């Protein structure tokens, strides 16, 4: 189980690193836009991401 979690973490880091590597200016602009969001908007994005992830885990498990 621990090996699977570490593999999932490694894959997440690879996927997260693609945009800053390929298009650093777009990545920077994305964070500039995120800074302008309110806390509630950022929490909503986080909640939506978690729910989509949970649904995908339940579908592909």
PDB file of N, CA and C in Angstrom:
ATOM      1  N   UNK A   1       0.819  -1.194   0.000  1.00  0.00           N
ATOM      2  CA  UNK A   1       0.000   0.000   0.000  1.00  0.00           C
ATOM      3  C   UNK A   1       0.867   1.265   0.000  1.00  0.00           C
ATOM      4  N   UNK A   2       1.915   1.254   0.829  1.00  0.00           N
ATOM      5  CA  UNK A   2       2.790   2.421   0.911  1.00  0.00           C
ATOM      6  C   UNK A   2       3.491   2.662  -0.428  1.00  0.00           C
ATOM      7  N   UNK A   3       3.899   1.589  -1.095  1.00  0.00           N
ATOM      8  CA  UNK A   3       4.555   1.730  -2.390  1.00  0.00           C
ATOM      9  C   UNK A   3       3.610   2.384  -3.396  1.00  0.00           C
ATOM     10  N   UNK A   4       2.339   1.995  -3.375  1.00  0.00           N
ATOM     11  CA  UNK A   4       1.348   2.565  -4.285  1.00  0.00           C
ATOM     12  C   UNK A   4       1.137   4.050  -4.009  1.00  0.00           C
ATOM     13  N   UNK A   5       1.102   4.430  -2.744  1.00  0.00           N
ATOM     14  CA  UNK A   5       0.956   5.848  -2.390  1.00  0.00           C
ATOM     15  C   UNK A   5       2.162   6.662  -2.848  1.00  0.00           C
ATOM     16  N   UNK A   6       3.351   6.103  -2.700  1.00  0.00           N
ATOM     17  CA  UNK A   6       4.546   6.804  -3.150  1.00  0.00           C
ATOM     18  C   UNK A   6       4.573   6.923  -4.674  1.00  0.00           C
ATOM     19  N   UNK A   7       4.119   5.895  -5.371  1.00  0.00           N
ATOM     20  CA  UNK A   7       4.026   5.973  -6.830  1.00  0.00           C
ATOM     21  C   UNK A   7       3.026   7.044  -7.257  1.00  0.00           C
ATOM     22  N   UNK A   8       1.899   7.116  -6.557  1.00  0.00           N
ATOM     23  CA  UNK A   8       0.891   8.134  -6.872  1.00  0.00           C
ATOM     24  C   UNK A   8       1.457   9.536  -6.627  1.00  0.00           C
ATOM     25  N   UNK A   9       2.181   9.710  -5.539  1.00  0.00           N
ATOM     26  CA  UNK A   9       2.802  11.004  -5.234  1.00  0.00           C
ATOM     27  C   UNK A   9       3.825  11.371  -6.304  1.00  0.00           C
ATOM     28  N   UNK A  10       4.631  10.392  -6.708  1.00  0.00           N
ATOM     29  CA  UNK A  10       5.630  10.645  -7.748  1.00  0.00           C
ATOM     30  C   UNK A  10       4.966  11.053  -9.056  1.00  0.00           C
ATOM     31  N   UNK A  11       3.894  10.374  -9.436  1.00  0.00           N
ATOM     32  CA  UNK A  11       3.183  10.714 -10.664  1.00  0.00           C
ATOM     33  C   UNK A  11       2.578  12.111 -10.574  1.00  0.00           C
ATOM     34  N   UNK A  12       2.033  12.460  -9.415  1.00  0.00           N
ATOM     35  CA  UNK A  12       1.472  13.791  -9.229  1.00  0.00           C
ATOM     36  C   UNK A  12       2.548  14.856  -9.406  1.00  0.00           C
ATOM     37  N   UNK A  13       3.735  14.617  -8.850  1.00  0.00           N
ATOM     38  CA  UNK A  13       4.822  15.586  -8.968  1.00  0.00           C
ATOM     39  C   UNK A  13       5.282  15.734 -10.410  1.00  0.00           C
ATOM     40  N   UNK A  14       5.328  14.636 -11.150  1.00  0.00           N
ATOM     41  CA  UNK A  14       5.706  14.715 -12.562  1.00  0.00           C
ATOM     42  C   UNK A  14       4.678  15.540 -13.326  1.00  0.00           C
ATOM     43  N   UNK A  15       3.408  15.259 -13.109  1.00  0.00           N
ATOM     44  CA  UNK A  15       2.340  15.987 -13.813  1.00  0.00           C
ATOM     45  C   UNK A  15       2.352  17.461 -13.423  1.00  0.00           C
ATOM     46  N   UNK A  16       2.549  17.750 -12.138  1.00  0.00           N
ATOM     47  CA  UNK A  16       2.589  19.139 -11.676  1.00  0.00           C
ATOM     48  C   UNK A  16       3.779  19.896 -12.266  1.00  0.00           C
ATOM     49  N   UNK A  17       4.868  19.196 -12.546  1.00  0.00           N
ATOM     50  CA  UNK A  17       6.063  19.851 -13.047  1.00  0.00           C
ATOM     51  C   UNK A  17       6.065  20.106 -14.547  1.00  0.00           C
ATOM     52  N   UNK A  18       5.115  19.534 -15.275  1.00  0.00           N
ATOM     53  CA  UNK A  18       5.115  19.681 -16.728  1.00  0.00           C
ATOM     54  C   UNK A  18       4.893  21.135 -17.145  1.00  0.00           C
ATOM     55  N   UNK A  19       3.887  21.794 -16.611  1.00  0.00           N
ATOM     56  CA  UNK A  19       3.574  23.163 -17.034  1.00  0.00           C
ATOM     57  C   UNK A  19       4.703  24.149 -16.721  1.00  0.00           C
ATOM     58  N   UNK A  20       5.266  24.159 -15.504  1.00  0.00           N
ATOM     59  CA  UNK A  20       6.375  25.097 -15.277  1.00  0.00           C
ATOM     60  C   UNK A  20       7.590  24.806 -16.161  1.00  0.00           C
ATOM     61  N   UNK A  21       7.797  23.556 -16.531  1.00  0.00           N
ATOM     62  CA  UNK A  21       8.925  23.214 -17.388  1.00  0.00           C
ATOM     63  C   UNK A  21       8.683  23.631 -18.835  1.00  0.00           C
ATOM     64  N   UNK A  22       7.466  23.368 -19.329  1.00  0.00           N
ATOM     65  CA  UNK A  22       7.157  23.622 -20.740  1.00  0.00           C
ATOM     66  C   UNK A  22       6.825  25.090 -20.998  1.00  0.00           C
ATOM     67  N   UNK A  23       6.048  25.693 -20.098  1.00  0.00           N
ATOM     68  CA  UNK A  23       5.593  27.073 -20.314  1.00  0.00           C
ATOM     69  C   UNK A  23       5.673  27.862 -19.009  1.00  0.00           C
ATOM     70  N   UNK A  24       6.872  28.271 -18.612  1.00  0.00           N
ATOM     71  CA  UNK A  24       6.997  28.973 -17.329  1.00  0.00           C
ATOM     72  C   UNK A  24       6.235  30.296 -17.270  1.00  0.00           C
ATOM     73  N   UNK A  25       6.138  31.009 -18.381  1.00  0.00           N
ATOM     74  CA  UNK A  25       5.415  32.287 -18.347  1.00  0.00           C
ATOM     75  C   UNK A  25       3.913  32.061 -18.141  1.00  0.00           C
ATOM     76  N   UNK A  26       3.344  31.035 -18.748  1.00  0.00           N
ATOM     77  CA  UNK A  26       1.927  30.721 -18.538  1.00  0.00           C
ATOM     78  C   UNK A  26       1.693  30.282 -17.097  1.00  0.00           C
ATOM     79  N   UNK A  27       2.628  29.522 -16.546  1.00  0.00           N
ATOM     80  CA  UNK A  27       2.527  29.067 -15.156  1.00  0.00           C
ATOM     81  C   UNK A  27       2.540  30.270 -14.208  1.00  0.00           C
ATOM     82  N   UNK A  28       3.451  31.210 -14.466  1.00  0.00           N
ATOM     83  CA  UNK A  28       3.553  32.417 -13.638  1.00  0.00           C
ATOM     84  C   UNK A  28       2.273  33.257 -13.736  1.00  0.00           C
ATOM     85  N   UNK A  29       1.734  33.398 -14.943  1.00  0.00           N
ATOM     86  CA  UNK A  29       0.501  34.167 -15.140  1.00  0.00           C
ATOM     87  C   UNK A  29      -0.681  33.522 -14.420  1.00  0.00           C
ATOM     88  N   UNK A  30      -0.717  32.202 -14.426  1.00  0.00           N
ATOM     89  CA  UNK A  30      -1.775  31.489 -13.707  1.00  0.00           C
ATOM     90  C   UNK A  30      -1.738  31.828 -12.226  1.00  0.00           C
ATOM     91  N   UNK A  31      -0.548  31.857 -11.640  1.00  0.00           N
ATOM     92  CA  UNK A  31      -0.443  32.188 -10.223  1.00  0.00           C
ATOM     93  C   UNK A  31      -0.753  33.660  -9.956  1.00  0.00           C
ATOM     94  N   UNK A  32      -0.438  34.531 -10.898  1.00  0.00           N
ATOM     95  CA  UNK A  32      -0.836  35.941 -10.733  1.00  0.00           C
ATOM     96  C   UNK A  32      -2.361  36.063 -10.658  1.00  0.00           C
ATOM     97  N   UNK A  33      -3.040  35.298 -11.495  1.00  0.00           N
ATOM     98  CA  UNK A  33      -4.515  35.324 -11.471  1.00  0.00           C
ATOM     99  C   UNK A  33      -5.055  34.727 -10.184  1.00  0.00           C
ATOM    100  N   UNK A  34      -4.442  33.654  -9.697  1.00  0.00           N
ATOM    101  CA  UNK A  34      -4.897  33.015  -8.462  1.00  0.00           C
ATOM    102  C   UNK A  34      -4.760  33.936  -7.256  1.00  0.00           C
ATOM    103  N   UNK A  35      -3.736  34.778  -7.264  1.00  0.00           N
ATOM    104  CA  UNK A  35      -3.522  35.702  -6.146  1.00  0.00           C
ATOM    105  C   UNK A  35      -4.704  36.666  -6.008  1.00  0.00           C
ATOM    106  N   UNK A  36      -5.351  36.975  -7.109  1.00  0.00           N
ATOM    107  CA  UNK A  36      -6.474  37.917  -7.083  1.00  0.00           C
ATOM    108  C   UNK A  36      -7.772  37.288  -6.564  1.00  0.00           C
ATOM    109  N   UNK A  37      -7.829  35.955  -6.478  1.00  0.00           N
ATOM    110  CA  UNK A  37      -9.047  35.283  -6.005  1.00  0.00           C
ATOM    111  C   UNK A  37      -9.210  35.487  -4.503  1.00  0.00           C
ATOM    112  N   UNK A  38     -10.455  35.478  -4.066  1.00  0.00           N
ATOM    113  CA  UNK A  38     -10.714  35.544  -2.629  1.00  0.00           C
ATOM    114  C   UNK A  38     -10.481  34.163  -2.016  1.00  0.00           C
ATOM    115  N   UNK A  39     -10.410  34.119  -0.684  1.00  0.00           N
ATOM    116  CA  UNK A  39     -10.214  32.835  -0.001  1.00  0.00           C
ATOM    117  C   UNK A  39     -11.343  31.857  -0.332  1.00  0.00           C
ATOM    118  N   UNK A  40     -12.560  32.367  -0.394  1.00  0.00           N
ATOM    119  CA  UNK A  40     -13.703  31.508  -0.705  1.00  0.00           C
ATOM    120  C   UNK A  40     -13.602  30.878  -2.090  1.00  0.00           C
ATOM    121  N   UNK A  41     -13.143  31.653  -3.059  1.00  0.00           N
ATOM    122  CA  UNK A  41     -12.987  31.123  -4.418  1.00  0.00           C
ATOM    123  C   UNK A  41     -11.901  30.054  -4.474  1.00  0.00           C
ATOM    124  N   UNK A  42     -10.806  30.284  -3.766  1.00  0.00           N
ATOM    125  CA  UNK A  42      -9.721  29.297  -3.741  1.00  0.00           C
ATOM    126  C   UNK A  42     -10.183  28.027  -3.035  1.00  0.00           C
ATOM    127  N   UNK A  43     -10.939  28.179  -1.952  1.00  0.00           N
ATOM    128  CA  UNK A  43     -11.468  26.995  -1.256  1.00  0.00           C
ATOM    129  C   UNK A  43     -12.422  26.214  -2.151  1.00  0.00           C
ATOM    130  N   UNK A  44     -13.239  26.922  -2.927  1.00  0.00           N
ATOM    131  CA  UNK A  44     -14.162  26.248  -3.838  1.00  0.00           C
ATOM    132  C   UNK A  44     -13.391  25.454  -4.893  1.00  0.00           C
ATOM    133  N   UNK A  45     -12.333  26.035  -5.431  1.00  0.00           N
ATOM    134  CA  UNK A  45     -11.503  25.328  -6.408  1.00  0.00           C
ATOM    135  C   UNK A  45     -10.884  24.081  -5.759  1.00  0.00           C
ATOM    136  N   UNK A  46     -10.385  24.226  -4.543  1.00  0.00           N
ATOM    137  CA  UNK A  46      -9.797  23.084  -3.838  1.00  0.00           C
ATOM    138  C   UNK A  46     -10.817  21.996  -3.571  1.00  0.00           C
ATOM    139  N   UNK A  47     -12.009  22.386  -3.122  1.00  0.00           N
ATOM    140  CA  UNK A  47     -13.072  21.414  -2.855  1.00  0.00           C
ATOM    141  C   UNK A  47     -13.483  20.696  -4.135  1.00  0.00           C
ATOM    142  N   UNK A  48     -13.630  21.454  -5.218  1.00  0.00           N
ATOM    143  CA  UNK A  48     -14.007  20.853  -6.506  1.00  0.00           C
ATOM    144  C   UNK A  48     -12.940  19.868  -6.967  1.00  0.00           C
ATOM    145  N   UNK A  49     -11.679  20.228  -6.829  1.00  0.00           N
ATOM    146  CA  UNK A  49     -10.590  19.327  -7.213  1.00  0.00           C
ATOM    147  C   UNK A  49     -10.620  18.040  -6.386  1.00  0.00           C
ATOM    148  N   UNK A  50     -10.834  18.172  -5.090  1.00  0.00           N
ATOM    149  CA  UNK A  50     -10.886  16.989  -4.231  1.00  0.00           C
ATOM    150  C   UNK A  50     -12.056  16.088  -4.592  1.00  0.00           C
ATOM    151  N   UNK A  51     -13.224  16.683  -4.852  1.00  0.00           N
ATOM    152  CA  UNK A  51     -14.393  15.881  -5.204  1.00  0.00           C
ATOM    153  C   UNK A  51     -14.206  15.164  -6.534  1.00  0.00           C
ATOM    154  N   UNK A  52     -13.638  15.848  -7.518  1.00  0.00           N
ATOM    155  CA  UNK A  52     -13.370  15.203  -8.809  1.00  0.00           C
ATOM    156  C   UNK A  52     -12.375  14.061  -8.616  1.00  0.00           C
ATOM    157  N   UNK A  53     -11.349  14.287  -7.806  1.00  0.00           N
ATOM    158  CA  UNK A  53     -10.378  13.231  -7.528  1.00  0.00           C
ATOM    159  C   UNK A  53     -11.007  12.029  -6.851  1.00  0.00           C
ATOM    160  N   UNK A  54     -11.895  12.281  -5.880  1.00  0.00           N
ATOM    161  CA  UNK A  54     -12.580  11.173  -5.195  1.00  0.00           C
ATOM    162  C   UNK A  54     -13.467  10.390  -6.141  1.00  0.00           C
ATOM    163  N   UNK A  55     -14.189  11.098  -6.994  1.00  0.00           N
ATOM    164  CA  UNK A  55     -15.045  10.423  -7.965  1.00  0.00           C
ATOM    165  C   UNK A  55     -14.205   9.568  -8.908  1.00  0.00           C
ATOM    166  N   UNK A  56     -13.094  10.102  -9.398  1.00  0.00           N
ATOM    167  CA  UNK A  56     -12.214   9.327 -10.269  1.00  0.00           C
ATOM    168  C   UNK A  56     -11.638   8.106  -9.548  1.00  0.00           C
ATOM    169  N   UNK A  57     -11.286   8.271  -8.270  1.00  0.00           N
ATOM    170  CA  UNK A  57     -10.811   7.116  -7.509  1.00  0.00           C
ATOM    171  C   UNK A  57     -11.879   6.045  -7.387  1.00  0.00           C
ATOM    172  N   UNK A  58     -13.105   6.450  -7.149  1.00  0.00           N
ATOM    173  CA  UNK A  58     -14.184   5.465  -7.015  1.00  0.00           C
ATOM    174  C   UNK A  58     -14.480   4.786  -8.349  1.00  0.00           C
ATOM    175  N   UNK A  59     -14.385   5.513  -9.444  1.00  0.00           N
ATOM    176  CA  UNK A  59     -14.667   4.942 -10.771  1.00  0.00           C
ATOM    177  C   UNK A  59     -13.573   3.943 -11.169  1.00  0.00           C
ATOM    178  N   UNK A  60     -12.318   4.319 -11.014  1.00  0.00           N
ATOM    179  CA  UNK A  60     -11.211   3.511 -11.517  1.00  0.00           C
ATOM    180  C   UNK A  60     -10.591   2.575 -10.485  1.00  0.00           C
ATOM    181  N   UNK A  61     -11.160   2.482  -9.332  1.00  0.00           N
ATOM    182  CA  UNK A  61     -10.636   1.619  -8.268  1.00  0.00           C
ATOM    183  C   UNK A  61     -10.980   0.223  -8.473  1.00  0.00           C
TER     184      UNK A  61
END
